[in-house]
Amino acid sequence: MAHQAIYRKWRPLTFEDVTGQTHITQTLKNQIVSGKISHAYLFCGTRGTGKTSAAKIFARAVNCTENKNGSPCNECEICKGIINGSVLDVLEIDAASNNGVDNIRDIKDEINYPPSTAKYRVYIIDEVHMLSPGAFNALLKTLEEPPAHSIFILATTEPHKVPVTILSRCQRFDFRRIGVSDILVRMKQIAFSDEYNITDDALALLASLADGSMRDGLSIMERCLSSSKDTLTVDEINRILGISSKEVVFDTVDAITEKNTGEIFKLINSVISDGKDINVFISDVIEHLRALLVCKISDDADFSGSCNSEQSARLKSQAEKIAFEKLSAASELLCSAQADAKWVKSPRIIYEMAFVKLCRPELDDSPSAILHRISDLDEKIAKGITVNPAPGKTEKTEKTEKKPAKKKSLPSKRVFSPIPENELNASHPYASAAKKWDKVIKEIMKNSPHLITPLRDKPITIDSDGIIIMYEDKDRFSKNIADSMITQIETIAAKVLGVELKIKTVFKNDIEDFAVDFWNLPDSPHSSGARTVSDTDADSDMSGDVLSEGGIPPEPIDPIDELAQRFPEIVEFTDDSEFLSFEAGDDPEQSVMVTDE
């Protein structure tokens, strides 16, 4: 006899053999016992959950002459004929390859004839979502009002692709993913019956690898049994399938907790050297992080189906050492890396950089990573540990002393070239030019508006080269735009200010300790009022009066004076004595207006 695959050999023959779908099998049995059988059914669910098997069992059960509480006996002539294919009243159609209108028309032509042997003519249409729109339309009327002797059973893994007009004409049953424990029980039964030597740990691993599909689990088990010589163990399964062992995954998460990047690189290298798929390894790590999250949230989490007792204990111990925010950030980062790795030739680099970010959270600016860092800081503060200790050290904060801030060194001349102190005064040409910077801005807005965006509301200062425009770190994009157009800006500035000078762009943090307050320079270099930021010490706060925002002086100007300066042709100052005079002897509180011609 030819070899038969395990999943075909052990296909369920009764409703009791269908694993993990009691909510469906019991309903179908009740309908058969009571005789309240519908004319159309729709079985939905993921692969390997028992849809086709249940449909075949139901087809035998409705025609069985001696059914047992709704299940077929599989011993009568009808049941045997349906099983071996000699009874033609039960027809199974694969809609993936028979999806045209003509195929449905053949059914419509046959359905009017009564069954030849059985009680009902049953049509099982597998993967019904593959039918063409025309085929669905041809099936509608027949499905709505079929002959009394006909039953339709439609099976699909994608019910959302089935038209609602078909769905409304069927009784829908949703098959659930089979639990690990149910798959494990069925595998033990099969291994015992066929005398396969498989350890309990190996069976638990195979059940978890099935991912809710009994057929997938049995196919994986058969593949491993074919490659194994004697007893099938966990190590054999890992070697055959190229997956990482639990120990490697545990060690990887421990290395993440300890921020040991070198150890992670060694583990990744060992995984690849052993010929294992790094994508599978990352999936195993993500699944392990999920298990840790479940342990963190639920106190009664049960992992007996996928881990042995020792691994379950280590899992719970590991979960206690890692903060929830850390697990969340790690899961999100690795899932993102897994999505990015699909589009690159060497996914190893993507995964290694993700692990580096996990070990050095300051490199990751995602919301989950920020939450993790905040949680880490709260935990350290609660324990009295210094927030930023030396690498590899943690020390208790008993008595803290403030150390004087180190004075920043002078930036490079390319960034800031200081003006000699004896030349730094109000009459310096660059200081005078900087005070007129608002005129440059107005000229740019009027004639070159495309240049104004990177210059708007930016503080300026001066050095021995000319005017410096300062940007915050977050304004890097605006700074780059200004750099690309600096020649045009210098041309406009020279035209407006009447002096040739160089314009530079820098980051504010690089020169703010040396920036010149050109609004408050003394009239002469020997005046006591002369000062620059470089003359200040660490205790002085110059943030309020050193930087000039867009050339606006920090000291307010009298509105009348400003109006007179801007519009001299409108405002005139006159002598009050020409209009008012007081005569002796009069009440000083009263005044007499002298009106001269």
Protein backbone atom coordinates (compact mmCIF):
# COMPACT_ATOMS: atom_id res chain seq x y z
CA MET A 1 0.00 0.00 0.00
CA ALA A 2 1.30 3.48 -0.93
CA HIS A 3 2.37 5.79 1.87
CA GLN A 4 -0.31 8.17 3.08
CA ALA A 5 0.47 11.49 4.75
CA ILE A 6 -0.22 11.61 8.48
CA TYR A 7 -2.78 14.40 8.22
CA ARG A 8 -4.70 12.42 5.56
CA LYS A 9 -4.45 9.15 7.45
CA TRP A 10 -5.78 10.77 10.62
CA ARG A 11 -8.44 12.97 9.00
CA PRO A 12 -11.46 13.05 11.39
CA LEU A 13 -14.21 10.57 10.51
CA THR A 14 -16.76 11.63 13.14
CA PHE A 15 -17.72 14.90 14.78
CA GLU A 16 -16.04 13.70 17.98
CA ASP A 17 -12.69 13.51 16.13
CA VAL A 18 -12.81 17.17 15.07
CA THR A 19 -10.41 18.95 17.45
CA GLY A 20 -11.23 22.26 19.10
CA GLN A 21 -14.54 22.98 17.30
CA THR A 22 -17.11 21.67 19.77
CA HIS A 23 -19.25 24.81 19.41
CA ILE A 24 -19.82 23.87 15.73
CA THR A 25 -19.92 20.08 15.82
CA GLN A 26 -22.49 20.00 18.62
CA THR A 27 -24.79 22.37 16.69
CA LEU A 28 -24.55 20.26 13.53
CA LYS A 29 -25.27 17.07 15.48
CA ASN A 30 -28.34 18.67 17.06
CA GLN A 31 -29.67 19.68 13.64
CA ILE A 32 -29.21 16.16 12.29
CA VAL A 33 -30.93 14.55 15.30
CA SER A 34 -33.85 16.99 15.19
CA GLY A 35 -34.11 16.89 11.38
CA LYS A 36 -33.87 20.68 11.11
CA ILE A 37 -31.26 20.70 8.40
CA SER A 38 -30.59 23.88 6.43
CA HIS A 39 -30.22 23.92 2.65
CA ALA A 40 -26.92 25.91 2.69
CA TYR A 41 -23.99 26.25 5.08
CA LEU A 42 -20.89 28.44 5.05
CA PHE A 43 -17.83 27.17 6.95
CA CYS A 44 -15.25 29.93 7.59
CA GLY A 45 -11.87 29.79 9.29
CA THR A 46 -8.11 29.71 8.81
CA ARG A 47 -6.33 26.79 7.18
CA GLY A 48 -6.19 23.44 8.93
CA THR A 49 -9.03 24.08 11.39
CA GLY A 50 -11.33 21.29 10.12
CA LYS A 51 -13.71 23.00 7.66
CA THR A 52 -13.52 20.41 4.85
CA SER A 53 -13.38 17.52 7.30
CA ALA A 54 -16.52 18.75 9.06
CA ALA A 55 -18.25 19.19 5.69
CA LYS A 56 -17.48 15.58 4.68
CA ILE A 57 -18.61 14.26 8.07
CA PHE A 58 -21.84 16.27 7.79
CA ALA A 59 -22.44 14.91 4.24
CA ARG A 60 -22.18 11.33 5.56
CA ALA A 61 -24.17 12.05 8.71
CA VAL A 62 -27.25 13.41 6.86
CA ASN A 63 -27.24 10.34 4.60
CA CYS A 64 -26.22 7.74 7.21
CA THR A 65 -28.89 5.09 7.83
CA GLU A 66 -27.64 4.37 11.34
CA ASN A 67 -26.14 7.60 12.65
CA LYS A 68 -25.11 7.74 16.29
CA ASN A 69 -26.36 10.88 18.03
CA GLY A 70 -25.85 12.90 14.86
CA SER A 71 -22.46 11.42 13.88
CA PRO A 72 -22.08 9.00 10.94
CA CYS A 73 -21.50 5.36 11.75
CA ASN A 74 -18.97 4.95 8.89
CA GLU A 75 -20.03 1.29 8.67
CA CYS A 76 -23.22 1.34 6.59
CA GLU A 77 -23.13 1.06 2.81
CA ILE A 78 -23.85 4.75 2.32
CA CYS A 79 -21.01 5.88 4.62
CA LYS A 80 -18.55 3.45 3.08
CA GLY A 81 -19.59 4.49 -0.42
CA ILE A 82 -19.11 8.19 0.34
CA ILE A 83 -15.71 7.50 1.90
CA ASN A 84 -14.41 5.46 -1.05
CA GLY A 85 -16.09 7.71 -3.64
CA SER A 86 -18.49 5.15 -5.12
CA VAL A 87 -21.57 7.14 -4.06
CA LEU A 88 -21.92 10.02 -6.51
CA ASP A 89 -24.55 11.93 -4.56
CA VAL A 90 -21.84 13.74 -2.55
CA LEU A 91 -19.81 15.95 -4.85
CA GLU A 92 -16.73 17.94 -3.73
CA ILE A 93 -15.75 20.87 -5.99
CA ASP A 94 -12.57 22.91 -5.80
CA ALA A 95 -13.61 26.47 -6.65
CA ALA A 96 -9.99 27.50 -7.15
CA SER A 97 -9.83 25.47 -10.37
CA ASN A 98 -13.55 25.30 -11.22
CA ASN A 99 -14.55 28.91 -10.80
CA GLY A 100 -16.33 29.69 -14.07
CA VAL A 101 -19.97 30.17 -14.93
CA ASP A 102 -20.06 26.88 -16.86
CA ASN A 103 -19.10 24.91 -13.76
CA ILE A 104 -22.01 26.37 -11.80
CA ARG A 105 -24.38 25.75 -14.73
CA ASP A 106 -23.42 22.06 -14.62
CA ILE A 107 -24.48 22.00 -10.98
CA LYS A 108 -27.78 23.72 -11.83
CA ASP A 109 -28.47 21.08 -14.49
CA GLU A 110 -27.71 18.17 -12.16
CA ILE A 111 -29.37 19.42 -9.01
CA ASN A 112 -32.91 18.88 -10.25
CA TYR A 113 -32.34 15.10 -10.47
CA PRO A 114 -33.03 13.20 -7.23
CA PRO A 115 -30.12 11.39 -5.54
CA SER A 116 -29.43 7.92 -6.90
CA THR A 117 -28.43 6.18 -3.66
CA ALA A 118 -28.33 8.56 -0.73
CA LYS A 119 -31.09 10.64 0.84
CA TYR A 120 -29.54 14.02 0.02
CA ARG A 121 -27.44 15.31 -2.84
CA VAL A 122 -24.65 17.27 -1.10
CA TYR A 123 -22.39 19.78 -2.88
CA ILE A 124 -19.19 20.75 -1.03
CA ILE A 125 -17.60 23.82 -2.68
CA ASP A 126 -14.14 24.39 -1.21
CA GLU A 127 -12.44 27.83 -1.38
CA VAL A 128 -15.72 29.31 -2.58
CA HIS A 129 -14.32 32.85 -2.48
CA MET A 130 -12.37 31.97 -5.66
CA LEU A 131 -15.53 31.86 -7.79
CA SER A 132 -15.84 34.54 -10.44
CA PRO A 133 -18.54 37.25 -10.12
CA GLY A 134 -20.48 35.58 -12.92
CA ALA A 135 -20.32 32.23 -11.16
CA PHE A 136 -21.59 33.79 -7.93
CA ASN A 137 -24.50 35.35 -9.80
CA ALA A 138 -25.31 32.00 -11.41
CA LEU A 139 -25.30 30.33 -7.98
CA LEU A 140 -27.60 32.86 -6.30
CA LYS A 141 -31.01 31.58 -7.40
CA THR A 142 -30.08 27.94 -6.95
CA LEU A 143 -28.68 28.63 -3.49
CA GLU A 144 -31.83 30.50 -2.45
CA GLU A 145 -34.39 27.92 -3.56
CA PRO A 146 -32.68 24.56 -4.10
CA PRO A 147 -34.62 21.31 -4.39
CA ALA A 148 -35.53 19.68 -1.09
CA HIS A 149 -33.11 16.84 -1.68
CA SER A 150 -30.02 19.10 -2.06
CA ILE A 151 -27.61 20.67 0.45
CA PHE A 152 -24.81 23.14 -0.25
CA ILE A 153 -21.76 23.39 2.03
CA LEU A 154 -19.42 26.29 1.15
CA ALA A 155 -15.97 26.45 2.74
CA THR A 156 -13.62 29.45 2.65
CA THR A 157 -10.64 30.97 4.40
CA GLU A 158 -11.61 34.49 3.28
CA PRO A 159 -15.30 35.12 3.98
CA HIS A 160 -14.92 38.85 3.34
CA LYS A 161 -14.50 38.04 -0.37
CA VAL A 162 -17.83 36.23 -0.56
CA PRO A 163 -20.70 38.50 -1.75
CA VAL A 164 -23.20 39.46 0.91
CA THR A 165 -25.97 38.06 -1.28
CA ILE A 166 -24.38 34.61 -0.85
CA LEU A 167 -23.70 35.12 2.86
CA SER A 168 -27.33 36.00 3.57
CA ARG A 169 -28.50 32.70 2.07
CA CYS A 170 -26.29 30.48 4.26
CA GLN A 171 -25.96 29.45 7.87
CA ARG A 172 -22.49 30.66 8.81
CA PHE A 173 -20.15 28.75 11.15
CA ASP A 174 -16.78 30.27 12.11
CA PHE A 175 -14.05 27.72 12.88
CA ARG A 176 -11.63 28.91 15.55
CA ARG A 177 -7.88 28.50 15.58
CA ILE A 178 -7.11 25.32 17.47
CA GLY A 179 -5.48 25.80 20.86
CA VAL A 180 -1.99 24.49 21.61
CA SER A 181 -3.29 22.17 24.31
CA ASP A 182 -5.88 20.62 21.95
CA ILE A 183 -3.25 20.08 19.24
CA LEU A 184 -0.91 18.55 21.82
CA VAL A 185 -3.53 16.04 22.94
CA ARG A 186 -4.26 14.99 19.35
CA MET A 187 -0.55 14.66 18.52
CA LYS A 188 0.03 12.47 21.58
CA GLN A 189 -2.83 10.25 20.49
CA ILE A 190 -1.41 9.90 16.97
CA ALA A 191 2.16 9.33 18.19
CA PHE A 192 0.97 6.62 20.59
CA SER A 193 -1.18 4.88 17.96
CA ASP A 194 1.54 4.88 15.27
CA GLU A 195 4.30 4.12 17.81
CA TYR A 196 6.36 7.23 17.10
CA ASN A 197 9.15 8.01 19.62
CA ILE A 198 8.68 11.69 20.42
CA THR A 199 9.56 13.34 23.72
CA ASP A 200 6.97 15.40 25.55
CA ASP A 201 9.03 18.58 25.09
CA ALA A 202 9.22 17.91 21.34
CA LEU A 203 5.47 17.37 21.13
CA ALA A 204 4.88 20.65 22.98
CA LEU A 205 7.20 22.45 20.55
CA LEU A 206 5.44 20.91 17.54
CA ALA A 207 2.06 21.96 18.92
CA SER A 208 3.24 25.54 19.33
CA LEU A 209 4.75 25.55 15.80
CA ALA A 210 1.39 24.46 14.38
CA ASP A 211 0.13 28.02 14.97
CA GLY A 212 -3.49 26.98 15.42
CA SER A 213 -3.61 24.63 12.41
CA MET A 214 -3.86 20.90 13.03
CA ARG A 215 -2.88 20.07 9.45
CA ASP A 216 0.24 22.28 9.66
CA GLY A 217 1.22 20.68 12.96
CA LEU A 218 0.91 17.15 11.60
CA SER A 219 2.82 18.08 8.43
CA ILE A 220 5.68 19.52 10.52
CA MET A 221 5.67 16.42 12.72
CA GLU A 222 5.89 14.13 9.69
CA ARG A 223 8.77 16.15 8.23
CA CYS A 224 10.71 15.94 11.49
CA LEU A 225 10.01 12.21 11.89
CA SER A 226 11.33 11.59 8.38
CA SER A 227 14.64 13.30 9.22
CA SER A 228 15.03 11.81 12.68
CA LYS A 229 16.62 8.42 13.25
CA ASP A 230 15.37 7.29 16.63
CA THR A 231 13.67 9.52 19.17
CA LEU A 232 12.49 12.95 18.05
CA THR A 233 13.72 15.61 20.51
CA VAL A 234 13.59 19.38 20.75
CA ASP A 235 17.18 19.70 19.53
CA GLU A 236 16.37 17.55 16.51
CA ILE A 237 13.37 19.74 15.66
CA ASN A 238 15.47 22.90 15.99
CA ARG A 239 18.13 21.43 13.73
CA ILE A 240 15.71 20.14 11.11
CA LEU A 241 13.54 23.28 10.94
CA GLY A 242 16.43 25.73 11.38
CA ILE A 243 14.88 27.50 14.35
CA SER A 244 16.68 28.84 17.39
CA SER A 245 16.61 27.03 20.69
CA LYS A 246 14.82 28.50 23.67
CA GLU A 247 18.16 29.00 25.43
CA VAL A 248 19.45 31.33 22.69
CA VAL A 249 16.25 33.38 22.86
CA PHE A 250 16.45 33.59 26.66
CA ASP A 251 20.10 34.64 26.46
CA THR A 252 19.27 37.31 23.88
CA VAL A 253 16.62 38.89 26.09
CA ASP A 254 19.00 38.74 29.06
CA ALA A 255 21.63 40.57 26.98
CA ILE A 256 19.05 43.25 26.10
CA THR A 257 18.24 43.69 29.78
CA GLU A 258 21.93 44.01 30.67
CA LYS A 259 22.56 46.31 27.64
CA ASN A 260 25.30 43.94 26.50
CA THR A 261 25.53 44.66 22.78
CA GLY A 262 28.62 42.49 22.32
CA GLU A 263 26.85 39.41 23.63
CA ILE A 264 23.90 40.00 21.29
CA PHE A 265 26.24 40.22 18.31
CA LYS A 266 27.82 36.92 19.35
CA LEU A 267 24.41 35.26 19.63
CA ILE A 268 23.32 36.53 16.21
CA ASN A 269 26.59 35.31 14.72
CA SER A 270 26.08 31.85 16.26
CA VAL A 271 22.52 31.68 14.90
CA ILE A 272 23.70 32.46 11.37
CA SER A 273 26.74 30.18 11.65
CA ASP A 274 24.45 27.28 12.58
CA GLY A 275 22.60 27.80 9.30
CA LYS A 276 19.42 29.10 10.92
CA ASP A 277 17.20 31.75 9.39
CA ILE A 278 17.71 35.08 11.12
CA ASN A 279 14.12 36.10 10.28
CA VAL A 280 12.84 33.04 12.14
CA PHE A 281 15.16 33.92 15.04
CA ILE A 282 13.72 37.45 15.25
CA SER A 283 10.20 36.02 15.14
CA ASP A 284 11.12 33.75 18.06
CA VAL A 285 12.46 36.73 20.03
CA ILE A 286 9.28 38.74 19.34
CA GLU A 287 7.14 35.80 20.43
CA HIS A 288 9.24 35.51 23.60
CA LEU A 289 8.75 39.23 24.31
CA ARG A 290 5.02 38.71 23.90
CA ALA A 291 5.15 35.86 26.44
CA LEU A 292 7.00 38.18 28.84
CA LEU A 293 4.31 40.84 28.37
CA VAL A 294 1.63 38.27 29.15
CA CYS A 295 3.54 37.26 32.30
CA LYS A 296 3.82 40.93 33.25
CA ILE A 297 0.10 41.55 32.86
CA SER A 298 -1.37 38.23 34.03
CA ASP A 299 -0.30 36.43 37.20
CA ASP A 300 -1.90 33.13 36.14
CA ALA A 301 -0.40 32.92 32.64
CA ASP A 302 -0.02 29.31 31.52
CA PHE A 303 2.76 28.38 29.07
CA SER A 304 2.73 24.66 29.66
CA GLY A 305 1.80 24.07 26.03
CA SER A 306 4.94 25.76 24.64
CA CYS A 307 7.47 25.57 27.50
CA ASN A 308 8.52 22.97 30.01
CA SER A 309 8.34 23.66 33.72
CA GLU A 310 11.95 24.91 33.92
CA GLN A 311 11.49 27.29 31.01
CA SER A 312 8.17 28.55 32.40
CA ALA A 313 9.87 29.37 35.72
CA ARG A 314 12.71 31.17 33.92
CA LEU A 315 10.19 33.07 31.81
CA LYS A 316 8.37 34.38 34.86
CA SER A 317 11.67 35.25 36.57
CA GLN A 318 12.83 37.14 33.49
CA ALA A 319 9.54 39.05 33.29
CA GLU A 320 10.02 40.36 36.84
CA LYS A 321 13.36 41.96 35.89
CA ILE A 322 12.15 43.86 32.84
CA ALA A 323 9.84 46.88 32.93
CA PHE A 324 6.66 46.79 30.90
CA GLU A 325 7.77 49.88 28.94
CA LYS A 326 11.03 48.15 28.01
CA LEU A 327 9.17 45.10 26.68
CA SER A 328 6.75 47.29 24.75
CA ALA A 329 9.56 49.32 23.18
CA ALA A 330 11.54 46.19 22.30
CA SER A 331 8.54 44.50 20.67
CA GLU A 332 7.67 47.59 18.65
CA LEU A 333 11.25 48.15 17.51
CA LEU A 334 11.82 44.53 16.43
CA CYS A 335 8.47 44.36 14.61
CA SER A 336 9.40 47.54 12.75
CA ALA A 337 12.82 46.10 11.91
CA GLN A 338 11.18 42.90 10.68
CA ALA A 339 8.98 44.93 8.33
CA ASP A 340 11.97 46.94 7.04
CA ALA A 341 14.12 43.83 6.57
CA LYS A 342 11.81 42.53 3.85
CA TRP A 343 13.06 45.22 1.48
CA VAL A 344 16.80 44.96 1.97
CA LYS A 345 19.34 42.48 0.70
CA SER A 346 21.05 42.01 4.08
CA PRO A 347 18.44 41.97 6.89
CA ARG A 348 21.14 41.18 9.45
CA ILE A 349 22.24 44.83 9.52
CA ILE A 350 18.68 46.01 10.17
CA TYR A 351 18.29 43.60 13.08
CA GLU A 352 21.70 44.39 14.60
CA MET A 353 20.96 48.13 14.55
CA ALA A 354 17.60 47.43 16.22
CA PHE A 355 19.36 45.53 19.03
CA VAL A 356 21.88 48.37 19.41
CA LYS A 357 18.98 50.78 19.92
CA LEU A 358 17.49 48.43 22.51
CA CYS A 359 20.77 48.39 24.42
CA ARG A 360 21.21 52.16 24.04
CA PRO A 361 17.71 53.66 24.34
CA GLU A 362 19.05 57.20 23.88
CA LEU A 363 19.51 56.40 20.18
CA ASP A 364 15.81 55.66 19.72
CA ASP A 365 13.37 58.58 19.63
CA SER A 366 10.15 56.58 19.22
CA PRO A 367 7.34 57.24 21.75
CA SER A 368 7.65 53.76 23.27
CA ALA A 369 11.42 54.21 23.73
CA ILE A 370 10.88 57.59 25.41
CA LEU A 371 8.33 56.02 27.78
CA HIS A 372 10.87 53.32 28.59
CA ARG A 373 13.56 55.89 29.42
CA ILE A 374 11.14 57.83 31.64
CA SER A 375 10.20 54.62 33.43
CA ASP A 376 13.87 53.75 33.86
CA LEU A 377 14.59 57.18 35.36
CA ASP A 378 11.65 56.89 37.77
CA GLU A 379 12.88 53.50 38.91
CA LYS A 380 16.43 54.75 39.50
CA ILE A 381 15.23 57.83 41.38
CA ALA A 382 13.00 55.65 43.56
CA LYS A 383 15.98 53.45 44.40
CA GLY A 384 18.27 56.42 45.07
CA ILE A 385 20.61 55.59 42.19
CA THR A 386 22.35 58.31 40.24
CA VAL A 387 20.63 59.00 36.97
CA ASN A 388 23.76 59.06 34.84
CA PRO A 389 26.40 56.89 36.51
CA ALA A 390 29.63 55.84 34.86
CA PRO A 391 29.29 52.85 32.51
CA GLY A 392 28.90 49.64 34.45
CA LYS A 393 28.62 51.41 37.83
CA THR A 394 25.73 52.45 40.06
CA GLU A 395 26.30 54.41 43.23
CA LYS A 396 23.98 55.60 45.97
CA THR A 397 23.33 59.34 46.18
CA GLU A 398 24.09 60.21 49.78
CA LYS A 399 25.52 63.68 49.39
CA THR A 400 25.60 65.55 46.13
CA GLU A 401 27.81 68.51 45.43
CA LYS A 402 27.35 70.88 42.54
CA LYS A 403 30.44 71.19 40.45
CA PRO A 404 31.08 74.45 38.65
CA ALA A 405 30.21 74.26 34.99
CA LYS A 406 33.19 74.01 32.72
CA LYS A 407 33.71 77.01 30.52
CA LYS A 408 33.20 76.13 26.90
CA SER A 409 36.17 76.37 24.61
CA LEU A 410 36.09 78.92 21.81
CA PRO A 411 34.53 77.51 18.62
CA SER A 412 36.55 77.19 15.45
CA LYS A 413 37.18 80.38 13.45
CA ARG A 414 35.04 78.99 10.68
CA VAL A 415 32.07 79.12 13.08
CA PHE A 416 32.96 82.20 15.16
CA SER A 417 35.88 84.60 14.78
CA PRO A 418 35.84 87.03 17.76
CA ILE A 419 36.37 90.76 17.29
CA PRO A 420 39.40 92.09 19.22
CA GLU A 421 38.30 93.68 22.49
CA ASN A 422 39.88 97.04 21.68
CA GLU A 423 37.83 97.26 18.46
CA LEU A 424 34.50 96.10 19.89
CA ASN A 425 32.43 99.27 20.30
CA ALA A 426 29.23 100.86 19.06
CA SER A 427 30.98 102.48 16.10
CA HIS A 428 32.16 99.16 14.68
CA PRO A 429 30.81 98.87 11.11
CA TYR A 430 29.44 95.36 11.64
CA ALA A 431 27.63 96.46 14.82
CA SER A 432 26.01 99.33 12.94
CA ALA A 433 25.10 97.00 10.11
CA ALA A 434 23.57 94.43 12.49
CA LYS A 435 21.30 97.13 13.96
CA LYS A 436 19.87 97.64 10.46
CA TRP A 437 19.25 93.93 9.86
CA ASP A 438 15.50 94.49 9.91
CA LYS A 439 15.88 96.57 6.74
CA VAL A 440 17.56 93.60 5.07
CA ILE A 441 14.64 91.41 6.10
CA LYS A 442 12.14 93.93 4.67
CA GLU A 443 14.06 94.12 1.40
CA ILE A 444 14.07 90.33 1.11
CA MET A 445 10.33 90.15 1.84
CA LYS A 446 9.65 92.80 -0.80
CA ASN A 447 11.84 91.65 -3.69
CA SER A 448 13.00 88.09 -2.85
CA PRO A 449 10.24 86.43 -0.77
CA HIS A 450 11.55 82.97 -1.59
CA LEU A 451 14.53 83.69 0.69
CA ILE A 452 12.57 84.80 3.76
CA THR A 453 11.48 81.43 5.20
CA PRO A 454 14.84 80.35 6.67
CA LEU A 455 15.54 83.90 7.97
CA ARG A 456 12.28 84.81 9.65
CA ASP A 457 12.55 85.52 13.42
CA LYS A 458 16.11 84.23 13.66
CA PRO A 459 18.49 85.92 16.18
CA ILE A 460 21.76 87.38 14.92
CA THR A 461 25.13 88.40 16.32
CA ILE A 462 28.42 89.65 14.86
CA ASP A 463 32.04 88.58 14.66
CA SER A 464 35.13 89.76 12.79
CA ASP A 465 33.78 88.32 9.51
CA GLY A 466 30.33 89.90 9.53
CA ILE A 467 26.86 88.88 10.67
CA ILE A 468 26.00 85.47 12.10
CA ILE A 469 22.46 84.01 11.89
CA MET A 470 21.75 81.58 14.74
CA TYR A 471 19.47 78.50 14.56
CA GLU A 472 18.10 76.10 17.12
CA ASP A 473 19.08 72.43 16.75
CA LYS A 474 15.55 71.60 15.62
CA ASP A 475 15.83 74.13 12.76
CA ARG A 476 18.49 72.14 10.92
CA PHE A 477 16.39 72.10 7.75
CA SER A 478 16.01 75.89 7.71
CA LYS A 479 19.75 76.29 8.28
CA ASN A 480 20.51 74.05 5.32
CA ILE A 481 18.21 76.11 3.10
CA ALA A 482 19.88 79.32 4.23
CA ASP A 483 23.33 77.86 3.52
CA SER A 484 22.28 77.01 -0.03
CA MET A 485 21.15 80.62 -0.65
CA ILE A 486 23.81 82.48 1.36
CA THR A 487 25.34 84.19 -1.69
CA GLN A 488 22.03 85.81 -2.62
CA ILE A 489 21.48 86.91 0.98
CA GLU A 490 24.97 88.47 1.14
CA THR A 491 24.30 90.40 -2.09
CA ILE A 492 21.03 91.85 -0.77
CA ALA A 493 22.60 92.67 2.63
CA ALA A 494 25.51 94.52 1.00
CA LYS A 495 23.11 96.56 -1.13
CA VAL A 496 20.91 97.54 1.85
CA LEU A 497 23.60 98.03 4.51
CA GLY A 498 26.16 99.69 2.25
CA VAL A 499 29.02 97.56 3.57
CA GLU A 500 30.60 94.36 2.27
CA LEU A 501 30.39 91.64 4.90
CA LYS A 502 30.16 87.89 5.21
CA ILE A 503 27.02 86.18 6.49
CA LYS A 504 27.31 82.85 8.29
CA THR A 505 24.78 80.38 9.71
CA VAL A 506 25.53 78.49 12.95
CA PHE A 507 23.71 76.56 15.62
CA LYS A 508 22.89 78.73 18.60
CA ASN A 509 24.25 76.24 21.13
CA ASP A 510 27.69 76.40 19.52
CA ILE A 511 28.30 80.13 20.04
CA GLU A 512 25.72 81.43 22.54
CA ASP A 513 28.42 81.76 25.22
CA PHE A 514 30.44 84.04 22.90
CA ALA A 515 27.72 85.94 21.05
CA VAL A 516 28.07 89.76 20.99
CA ASP A 517 25.25 91.96 22.32
CA PHE A 518 25.72 94.64 19.65
CA TRP A 519 22.84 96.77 21.01
CA ASN A 520 24.68 97.49 24.28
CA LEU A 521 28.22 98.11 23.08
CA PRO A 522 30.05 101.15 24.57
CA ASP A 523 30.80 104.26 22.54
CA SER A 524 34.52 103.62 22.92
CA PRO A 525 36.56 100.49 23.62
CA HIS A 526 37.67 101.94 26.98
CA SER A 527 34.17 102.53 28.33
CA SER A 528 33.23 100.64 31.47
CA GLY A 529 30.02 99.50 29.83
CA ALA A 530 31.80 97.36 27.25
CA ARG A 531 31.15 93.68 27.63
CA THR A 532 30.57 90.56 25.61
CA VAL A 533 29.28 87.18 26.53
CA SER A 534 32.79 85.83 26.52
CA ASP A 535 33.56 88.15 29.46
CA THR A 536 30.87 86.65 31.63
CA ASP A 537 31.40 83.86 34.09
CA ALA A 538 29.40 80.70 34.59
CA ASP A 539 27.20 82.25 37.32
CA SER A 540 25.77 85.05 35.13
CA ASP A 541 22.62 84.47 33.12
CA MET A 542 22.93 86.16 29.76
CA SER A 543 20.00 84.44 28.10
CA GLY A 544 17.80 87.51 28.43
CA ASP A 545 19.93 90.33 27.02
CA VAL A 546 22.68 88.85 24.86
CA LEU A 547 20.78 87.54 21.86
CA SER A 548 18.96 89.95 19.60
CA GLU A 549 15.88 88.43 18.02
CA GLY A 550 15.79 89.61 14.41
CA GLY A 551 17.67 92.83 15.30
CA ILE A 552 15.08 94.18 17.80
CA PRO A 553 16.73 95.92 20.80
CA PRO A 554 15.95 94.48 24.21
CA GLU A 555 15.23 97.90 25.76
CA PRO A 556 11.79 99.38 24.91
CA ILE A 557 11.72 102.70 22.99
CA ASP A 558 9.30 105.50 23.78
CA PRO A 559 6.43 105.26 21.23
CA ILE A 560 6.49 109.02 20.48
CA ASP A 561 10.24 108.94 19.90
CA GLU A 562 9.90 105.92 17.62
CA LEU A 563 7.09 107.62 15.68
CA ALA A 564 9.15 110.75 15.28
CA GLN A 565 12.11 108.76 13.99
CA ARG A 566 10.04 106.81 11.47
CA PHE A 567 7.81 109.69 10.24
CA PRO A 568 9.71 113.03 10.73
CA GLU A 569 7.58 114.75 8.08
CA ILE A 570 4.42 114.22 10.19
CA VAL A 571 5.48 114.71 13.78
CA GLU A 572 6.96 118.04 14.93
CA PHE A 573 8.17 118.98 18.38
CA THR A 574 7.24 122.51 19.40
CA ASP A 575 7.89 124.75 22.39
CA ASP A 576 4.98 124.76 24.83
CA SER A 577 5.79 128.32 25.91
CA GLU A 578 4.40 129.64 22.65
CA PHE A 579 0.94 128.51 23.65
CA LEU A 580 0.81 128.61 27.45
CA SER A 581 1.62 131.47 29.87
CA PHE A 582 0.78 132.25 33.45
CA GLU A 583 0.25 135.81 34.74
CA ALA A 584 1.32 136.84 38.23
CA GLY A 585 -1.41 136.81 40.79
CA ASP A 586 -3.48 134.27 39.00
CA ASP A 587 -4.43 130.99 40.49
CA PRO A 588 -1.58 128.65 39.57
CA GLU A 589 -4.06 125.90 38.95
CA GLN A 590 -5.63 127.88 36.14
CA SER A 591 -3.96 128.81 32.92
CA VAL A 592 -4.70 131.39 30.28
CA MET A 593 -4.19 130.56 26.65
CA VAL A 594 -2.40 133.36 24.86
CA THR A 595 -3.47 133.35 21.28
CA ASP A 596 -1.10 135.20 19.04
CA GLU A 597 -1.67 135.63 15.45
